[in-house]
Amino acid sequence: GICRVDDAKRAVDAGVSAISVSNHGGNNLDG
C-alpha cells in the first residue's frame, strides 16, 4: 500500500524487506 516516497523511506527505516507499490485497486480512495 505504499504510494508515497516518504512512506517508502519510512518503511525502509522500519526494517521491511520489500514494499508493494499499490493503491489497493482504488478501493479505499478512488482518486
All heavy atoms as atom14 arrays in JSON, in Angstrom:
{
  "sequence": "GICRVDDAKRAVDAGVSAISVSNHGGNNLDG",
  "atom14_mask": [
    [1, 1, 1, 1, 0, 0, 0, 0, 0, 0, 0, 0, 0, 0],
    [1, 1, 1, 1, 1, 1, 1, 1, 0, 0, 0, 0, 0, 0],
    [1, 1, 1, 1, 1, 1, 0, 0, 0, 0, 0, 0, 0, 0],
    [1, 1, 1, 1, 1, 1, 1, 1, 1, 1, 1, 0, 0, 0],
    [1, 1, 1, 1, 1, 1, 1, 0, 0, 0, 0, 0, 0, 0],
    [1, 1, 1, 1, 1, 1, 1, 1, 0, 0, 0, 0, 0, 0],
    [1, 1, 1, 1, 1, 1, 1, 1, 0, 0, 0, 0, 0, 0],
    [1, 1, 1, 1, 1, 0, 0, 0, 0, 0, 0, 0, 0, 0],
    [1, 1, 1, 1, 1, 1, 1, 1, 1, 0, 0, 0, 0, 0],
    [1, 1, 1, 1, 1, 1, 1, 1, 1, 1, 1, 0, 0, 0],
    [1, 1, 1, 1, 1, 0, 0, 0, 0, 0, 0, 0, 0, 0],
    [1, 1, 1, 1, 1, 1, 1, 0, 0, 0, 0, 0, 0, 0],
    [1, 1, 1, 1, 1, 1, 1, 1, 0, 0, 0, 0, 0, 0],
    [1, 1, 1, 1, 1, 0, 0, 0, 0, 0, 0, 0, 0, 0],
    [1, 1, 1, 1, 0, 0, 0, 0, 0, 0, 0, 0, 0, 0],
    [1, 1, 1, 1, 1, 1, 1, 0, 0, 0, 0, 0, 0, 0],
    [1, 1, 1, 1, 1, 1, 0, 0, 0, 0, 0, 0, 0, 0],
    [1, 1, 1, 1, 1, 0, 0, 0, 0, 0, 0, 0, 0, 0],
    [1, 1, 1, 1, 1, 1, 1, 1, 0, 0, 0, 0, 0, 0],
    [1, 1, 1, 1, 1, 1, 0, 0, 0, 0, 0, 0, 0, 0],
    [1, 1, 1, 1, 1, 1, 1, 0, 0, 0, 0, 0, 0, 0],
    [1, 1, 1, 1, 1, 1, 0, 0, 0, 0, 0, 0, 0, 0],
    [1, 1, 1, 1, 1, 1, 1, 1, 0, 0, 0, 0, 0, 0],
    [1, 1, 1, 1, 1, 1, 1, 1, 1, 1, 0, 0, 0, 0],
    [1, 1, 1, 1, 0, 0, 0, 0, 0, 0, 0, 0, 0, 0],
    [1, 1, 1, 1, 0, 0, 0, 0, 0, 0, 0, 0, 0, 0],
    [1, 1, 1, 1, 1, 1, 1, 1, 0, 0, 0, 0, 0, 0],
    [1, 1, 1, 1, 1, 1, 1, 1, 0, 0, 0, 0, 0, 0],
    [1, 1, 1, 1, 1, 1, 1, 1, 0, 0, 0, 0, 0, 0],
    [1, 1, 1, 1, 1, 1, 1, 1, 0, 0, 0, 0, 0, 0],
    [1, 1, 1, 1, 0, 0, 0, 0, 0, 0, 0, 0, 0, 0]
  ],
  "atom14_positions": [
    [[0.79, -1.22, 0.0], [0.0, 0.0, 0.0], [0.83, 1.27, 0.0], [0.34, 2.34, 0.34], [0.0, 0.0, 0.0], [0.0, 0.0, 0.0], [0.0, 0.0, 0.0], [0.0, 0.0, 0.0], [0.0, 0.0, 0.0], [0.0, 0.0, 0.0], [0.0, 0.0, 0.0], [0.0, 0.0, 0.0], [0.0, 0.0, 0.0], [0.0, 0.0, 0.0]],
    [[2.09, 1.17, -0.41], [2.96, 2.35, -0.44], [2.75, 3.1, -1.75], [2.88, 2.54, -2.84], [4.44, 1.94, -0.31], [4.68, 1.19, 1.01], [5.34, 3.15, -0.43], [4.44, 2.04, 2.24], [0.0, 0.0, 0.0], [0.0, 0.0, 0.0], [0.0, 0.0, 0.0], [0.0, 0.0, 0.0], [0.0, 0.0, 0.0], [0.0, 0.0, 0.0]],
    [[2.42, 4.38, -1.65], [2.23, 5.22, -2.83], [3.05, 6.51, -2.75], [3.03, 7.29, -3.7], [0.75, 5.6, -3.0], [-0.33, 4.25, -3.53], [0.0, 0.0, 0.0], [0.0, 0.0, 0.0], [0.0, 0.0, 0.0], [0.0, 0.0, 0.0], [0.0, 0.0, 0.0], [0.0, 0.0, 0.0], [0.0, 0.0, 0.0], [0.0, 0.0, 0.0]],
    [[3.72, 6.72, -1.62], [4.46, 7.96, -1.39], [5.93, 7.66, -1.14], [6.27, 6.66, -0.51], [3.88, 8.72, -0.2], [2.45, 9.18, -0.38], [1.87, 9.63, 0.96], [2.68, 10.65, 1.58], [2.51, 11.97, 1.45], [1.51, 12.41, 0.7], [3.3, 12.83, 2.06], [0.0, 0.0, 0.0], [0.0, 0.0, 0.0], [0.0, 0.0, 0.0]],
    [[6.78, 8.56, -1.6], [8.21, 8.38, -1.41], [8.58, 8.45, 0.06], [9.4, 7.65, 0.55], [8.98, 9.44, -2.21], [10.48, 9.39, -1.87], [8.78, 9.25, -3.71], [0.0, 0.0, 0.0], [0.0, 0.0, 0.0], [0.0, 0.0, 0.0], [0.0, 0.0, 0.0], [0.0, 0.0, 0.0], [0.0, 0.0, 0.0], [0.0, 0.0, 0.0]],
    [[7.97, 9.39, 0.8], [8.31, 9.49, 2.23], [7.87, 8.25, 2.99], [8.57, 7.8, 3.92], [7.72, 10.76, 2.84], [6.23, 10.9, 2.62], [5.63, 10.08, 1.91], [5.64, 11.87, 3.16], [0.0, 0.0, 0.0], [0.0, 0.0, 0.0], [0.0, 0.0, 0.0], [0.0, 0.0, 0.0], [0.0, 0.0, 0.0], [0.0, 0.0, 0.0]],
    [[6.73, 7.66, 2.62], [6.3, 6.42, 3.27], [7.25, 5.27, 2.92], [7.52, 4.4, 3.76], [4.87, 6.06, 2.85], [3.83, 6.91, 3.57], [4.16, 7.5, 4.61], [2.68, 6.95, 3.08], [0.0, 0.0, 0.0], [0.0, 0.0, 0.0], [0.0, 0.0, 0.0], [0.0, 0.0, 0.0], [0.0, 0.0, 0.0], [0.0, 0.0, 0.0]],
    [[7.73, 5.25, 1.68], [8.67, 4.2, 1.28], [9.95, 4.28, 2.12], [10.47, 3.26, 2.59], [9.0, 4.34, -0.2], [0.0, 0.0, 0.0], [0.0, 0.0, 0.0], [0.0, 0.0, 0.0], [0.0, 0.0, 0.0], [0.0, 0.0, 0.0], [0.0, 0.0, 0.0], [0.0, 0.0, 0.0], [0.0, 0.0, 0.0], [0.0, 0.0, 0.0]],
    [[10.44, 5.5, 2.33], [11.65, 5.67, 3.14], [11.39, 5.29, 4.59], [12.26, 4.69, 5.25], [12.12, 7.12, 3.05], [12.63, 7.52, 1.67], [13.07, 8.97, 1.65], [13.63, 9.35, 0.29], [14.04, 10.79, 0.24], [0.0, 0.0, 0.0], [0.0, 0.0, 0.0], [0.0, 0.0, 0.0], [0.0, 0.0, 0.0], [0.0, 0.0, 0.0]],
    [[10.21, 5.61, 5.08], [9.9, 5.26, 6.46], [9.77, 3.74, 6.62], [10.13, 3.18, 7.65], [8.61, 5.94, 6.89], [8.38, 5.88, 8.38], [7.43, 6.94, 8.85], [7.33, 6.94, 10.31], [6.58, 7.78, 11.0], [5.87, 8.71, 10.36], [6.53, 7.72, 12.31], [0.0, 0.0, 0.0], [0.0, 0.0, 0.0], [0.0, 0.0, 0.0]],
    [[9.24, 3.08, 5.58], [9.15, 1.62, 5.62], [10.54, 0.99, 5.68], [10.76, 0.01, 6.4], [8.4, 1.12, 4.39], [0.0, 0.0, 0.0], [0.0, 0.0, 0.0], [0.0, 0.0, 0.0], [0.0, 0.0, 0.0], [0.0, 0.0, 0.0], [0.0, 0.0, 0.0], [0.0, 0.0, 0.0], [0.0, 0.0, 0.0], [0.0, 0.0, 0.0]],
    [[11.47, 1.56, 4.93], [12.85, 1.07, 4.98], [13.41, 1.24, 6.39], [14.04, 0.34, 6.95], [13.73, 1.82, 3.96], [15.2, 1.46, 4.15], [13.29, 1.5, 2.54], [0.0, 0.0, 0.0], [0.0, 0.0, 0.0], [0.0, 0.0, 0.0], [0.0, 0.0, 0.0], [0.0, 0.0, 0.0], [0.0, 0.0, 0.0], [0.0, 0.0, 0.0]],
    [[13.16, 2.41, 7.0], [13.64, 2.65, 8.36], [13.02, 1.69, 9.36], [13.65, 1.34, 10.38], [13.32, 4.09, 8.78], [14.12, 5.12, 8.0], [15.17, 4.75, 7.43], [13.69, 6.29, 7.95], [0.0, 0.0, 0.0], [0.0, 0.0, 0.0], [0.0, 0.0, 0.0], [0.0, 0.0, 0.0], [0.0, 0.0, 0.0], [0.0, 0.0, 0.0]],
    [[11.8, 1.24, 9.08], [11.12, 0.3, 9.98], [11.65, -1.12, 9.83], [11.32, -2.0, 10.63], [9.61, 0.31, 9.71], [0.0, 0.0, 0.0], [0.0, 0.0, 0.0], [0.0, 0.0, 0.0], [0.0, 0.0, 0.0], [0.0, 0.0, 0.0], [0.0, 0.0, 0.0], [0.0, 0.0, 0.0], [0.0, 0.0, 0.0], [0.0, 0.0, 0.0]],
    [[12.46, -1.35, 8.79], [13.11, -2.65, 8.64], [12.44, -3.63, 7.71], [12.78, -4.82, 7.73], [0.0, 0.0, 0.0], [0.0, 0.0, 0.0], [0.0, 0.0, 0.0], [0.0, 0.0, 0.0], [0.0, 0.0, 0.0], [0.0, 0.0, 0.0], [0.0, 0.0, 0.0], [0.0, 0.0, 0.0], [0.0, 0.0, 0.0], [0.0, 0.0, 0.0]],
    [[11.48, -3.18, 6.87], [10.84, -4.13, 5.96], [11.84, -4.58, 4.9], [12.83, -3.89, 4.63], [9.6, -3.5, 5.27], [8.62, -2.98, 6.31], [10.01, -2.41, 4.3], [0.0, 0.0, 0.0], [0.0, 0.0, 0.0], [0.0, 0.0, 0.0], [0.0, 0.0, 0.0], [0.0, 0.0, 0.0], [0.0, 0.0, 0.0], [0.0, 0.0, 0.0]],
    [[11.6, -5.74, 4.34], [12.49, -6.25, 3.3], [11.96, -6.0, 1.9], [12.69, -6.14, 0.92], [12.72, -7.76, 3.5], [11.5, -8.44, 3.66], [0.0, 0.0, 0.0], [0.0, 0.0, 0.0], [0.0, 0.0, 0.0], [0.0, 0.0, 0.0], [0.0, 0.0, 0.0], [0.0, 0.0, 0.0], [0.0, 0.0, 0.0], [0.0, 0.0, 0.0]],
    [[10.69, -5.62, 1.79], [10.09, -5.32, 0.49], [8.88, -4.42, 0.69], [8.26, -4.42, 1.76], [9.67, -6.6, -0.23], [0.0, 0.0, 0.0], [0.0, 0.0, 0.0], [0.0, 0.0, 0.0], [0.0, 0.0, 0.0], [0.0, 0.0, 0.0], [0.0, 0.0, 0.0], [0.0, 0.0, 0.0], [0.0, 0.0, 0.0], [0.0, 0.0, 0.0]],
    [[8.56, -3.65, -0.35], [7.35, -2.84, -0.32], [6.56, -3.1, -1.58], [7.12, -3.34, -2.65], [7.65, -1.33, -0.17], [8.5, -0.83, -1.34], [8.3, -1.02, 1.15], [8.71, 0.67, -1.33], [0.0, 0.0, 0.0], [0.0, 0.0, 0.0], [0.0, 0.0, 0.0], [0.0, 0.0, 0.0], [0.0, 0.0, 0.0], [0.0, 0.0, 0.0]],
    [[5.26, -3.05, -1.44], [4.36, -3.22, -2.59], [3.76, -1.87, -2.91], [3.02, -1.29, -2.1], [3.24, -4.22, -2.24], [2.24, -4.21, -3.23], [0.0, 0.0, 0.0], [0.0, 0.0, 0.0], [0.0, 0.0, 0.0], [0.0, 0.0, 0.0], [0.0, 0.0, 0.0], [0.0, 0.0, 0.0], [0.0, 0.0, 0.0], [0.0, 0.0, 0.0]],
    [[4.11, -1.34, -4.08], [3.54, -0.07, -4.54], [2.12, -0.37, -5.02], [1.92, -1.03, -6.03], [4.39, 0.54, -5.66], [3.76, 1.85, -6.16], [5.82, 0.78, -5.17], [0.0, 0.0, 0.0], [0.0, 0.0, 0.0], [0.0, 0.0, 0.0], [0.0, 0.0, 0.0], [0.0, 0.0, 0.0], [0.0, 0.0, 0.0], [0.0, 0.0, 0.0]],
    [[1.14, 0.1, -4.26], [-0.24, -0.29, -4.52], [-1.2, 0.75, -3.98], [-0.94, 1.36, -2.93], [-0.53, -1.65, -3.86], [-1.91, -1.95, -3.9], [0.0, 0.0, 0.0], [0.0, 0.0, 0.0], [0.0, 0.0, 0.0], [0.0, 0.0, 0.0], [0.0, 0.0, 0.0], [0.0, 0.0, 0.0], [0.0, 0.0, 0.0], [0.0, 0.0, 0.0]],
    [[-2.29, 0.98, -4.7], [-3.37, 1.81, -4.16], [-4.59, 0.96, -3.82], [-5.7, 1.45, -3.75], [-3.74, 2.93, -5.14], [-4.37, 2.42, -6.43], [-4.55, 1.22, -6.62], [-4.69, 3.32, -7.34], [0.0, 0.0, 0.0], [0.0, 0.0, 0.0], [0.0, 0.0, 0.0], [0.0, 0.0, 0.0], [0.0, 0.0, 0.0], [0.0, 0.0, 0.0]],
    [[-4.36, -0.34, -3.64], [-5.41, -1.29, -3.27], [-6.55, -1.3, -4.3], [-7.72, -1.43, -3.94], [-5.95, -1.0, -1.87], [-4.92, -1.07, -0.79], [-4.39, -2.26, -0.35], [-4.3, -0.09, -0.07], [-3.5, -2.03, 0.6], [-3.41, -0.73, 0.78], [0.0, 0.0, 0.0], [0.0, 0.0, 0.0], [0.0, 0.0, 0.0], [0.0, 0.0, 0.0]],
    [[-6.17, -1.14, -5.56], [-7.18, -1.17, -6.61], [-8.12, 0.02, -6.58], [-9.18, -0.01, -7.2], [0.0, 0.0, 0.0], [0.0, 0.0, 0.0], [0.0, 0.0, 0.0], [0.0, 0.0, 0.0], [0.0, 0.0, 0.0], [0.0, 0.0, 0.0], [0.0, 0.0, 0.0], [0.0, 0.0, 0.0], [0.0, 0.0, 0.0], [0.0, 0.0, 0.0]],
    [[-7.75, 1.08, -5.87], [-8.62, 2.23, -5.75], [-9.82, 2.0, -4.85], [-10.73, 2.81, -4.81], [0.0, 0.0, 0.0], [0.0, 0.0, 0.0], [0.0, 0.0, 0.0], [0.0, 0.0, 0.0], [0.0, 0.0, 0.0], [0.0, 0.0, 0.0], [0.0, 0.0, 0.0], [0.0, 0.0, 0.0], [0.0, 0.0, 0.0], [0.0, 0.0, 0.0]],
    [[-9.79, 0.89, -4.11], [-10.94, 0.56, -3.26], [-11.09, 1.53, -2.08], [-12.2, 1.83, -1.65], [-10.8, -0.86, -2.71], [-10.93, -1.91, -3.8], [-11.61, -1.69, -4.79], [-10.25, -3.04, -3.63], [0.0, 0.0, 0.0], [0.0, 0.0, 0.0], [0.0, 0.0, 0.0], [0.0, 0.0, 0.0], [0.0, 0.0, 0.0], [0.0, 0.0, 0.0]],
    [[-9.96, 1.98, -1.54], [-10.01, 2.85, -0.36], [-10.23, 4.31, -0.74], [-10.95, 5.04, -0.06], [-8.72, 2.72, 0.44], [-8.54, 1.33, 1.01], [-9.42, 0.49, 0.88], [-7.41, 1.07, 1.63], [0.0, 0.0, 0.0], [0.0, 0.0, 0.0], [0.0, 0.0, 0.0], [0.0, 0.0, 0.0], [0.0, 0.0, 0.0], [0.0, 0.0, 0.0]],
    [[-9.59, 4.76, -1.81], [-9.72, 6.14, -2.27], [-9.58, 6.12, -3.79], [-8.47, 5.98, -4.31], [-8.65, 7.02, -1.63], [-8.71, 8.51, -1.95], [-10.02, 9.12, -1.45], [-7.52, 9.24, -1.35], [0.0, 0.0, 0.0], [0.0, 0.0, 0.0], [0.0, 0.0, 0.0], [0.0, 0.0, 0.0], [0.0, 0.0, 0.0], [0.0, 0.0, 0.0]],
    [[-10.71, 6.27, -4.48], [-10.68, 6.08, -5.93], [-9.98, 7.21, -6.68], [-9.75, 7.11, -7.88], [-12.09, 5.86, -6.48], [-13.02, 7.03, -6.22], [-12.56, 8.07, -5.73], [-14.23, 6.9, -6.52], [0.0, 0.0, 0.0], [0.0, 0.0, 0.0], [0.0, 0.0, 0.0], [0.0, 0.0, 0.0], [0.0, 0.0, 0.0], [0.0, 0.0, 0.0]],
    [[-9.6, 8.29, -5.99], [-8.87, 9.36, -6.63], [-7.36, 9.21, -6.51], [-6.62, 10.06, -7.01], [0.0, 0.0, 0.0], [0.0, 0.0, 0.0], [0.0, 0.0, 0.0], [0.0, 0.0, 0.0], [0.0, 0.0, 0.0], [0.0, 0.0, 0.0], [0.0, 0.0, 0.0], [0.0, 0.0, 0.0], [0.0, 0.0, 0.0], [0.0, 0.0, 0.0]]
  ]
}
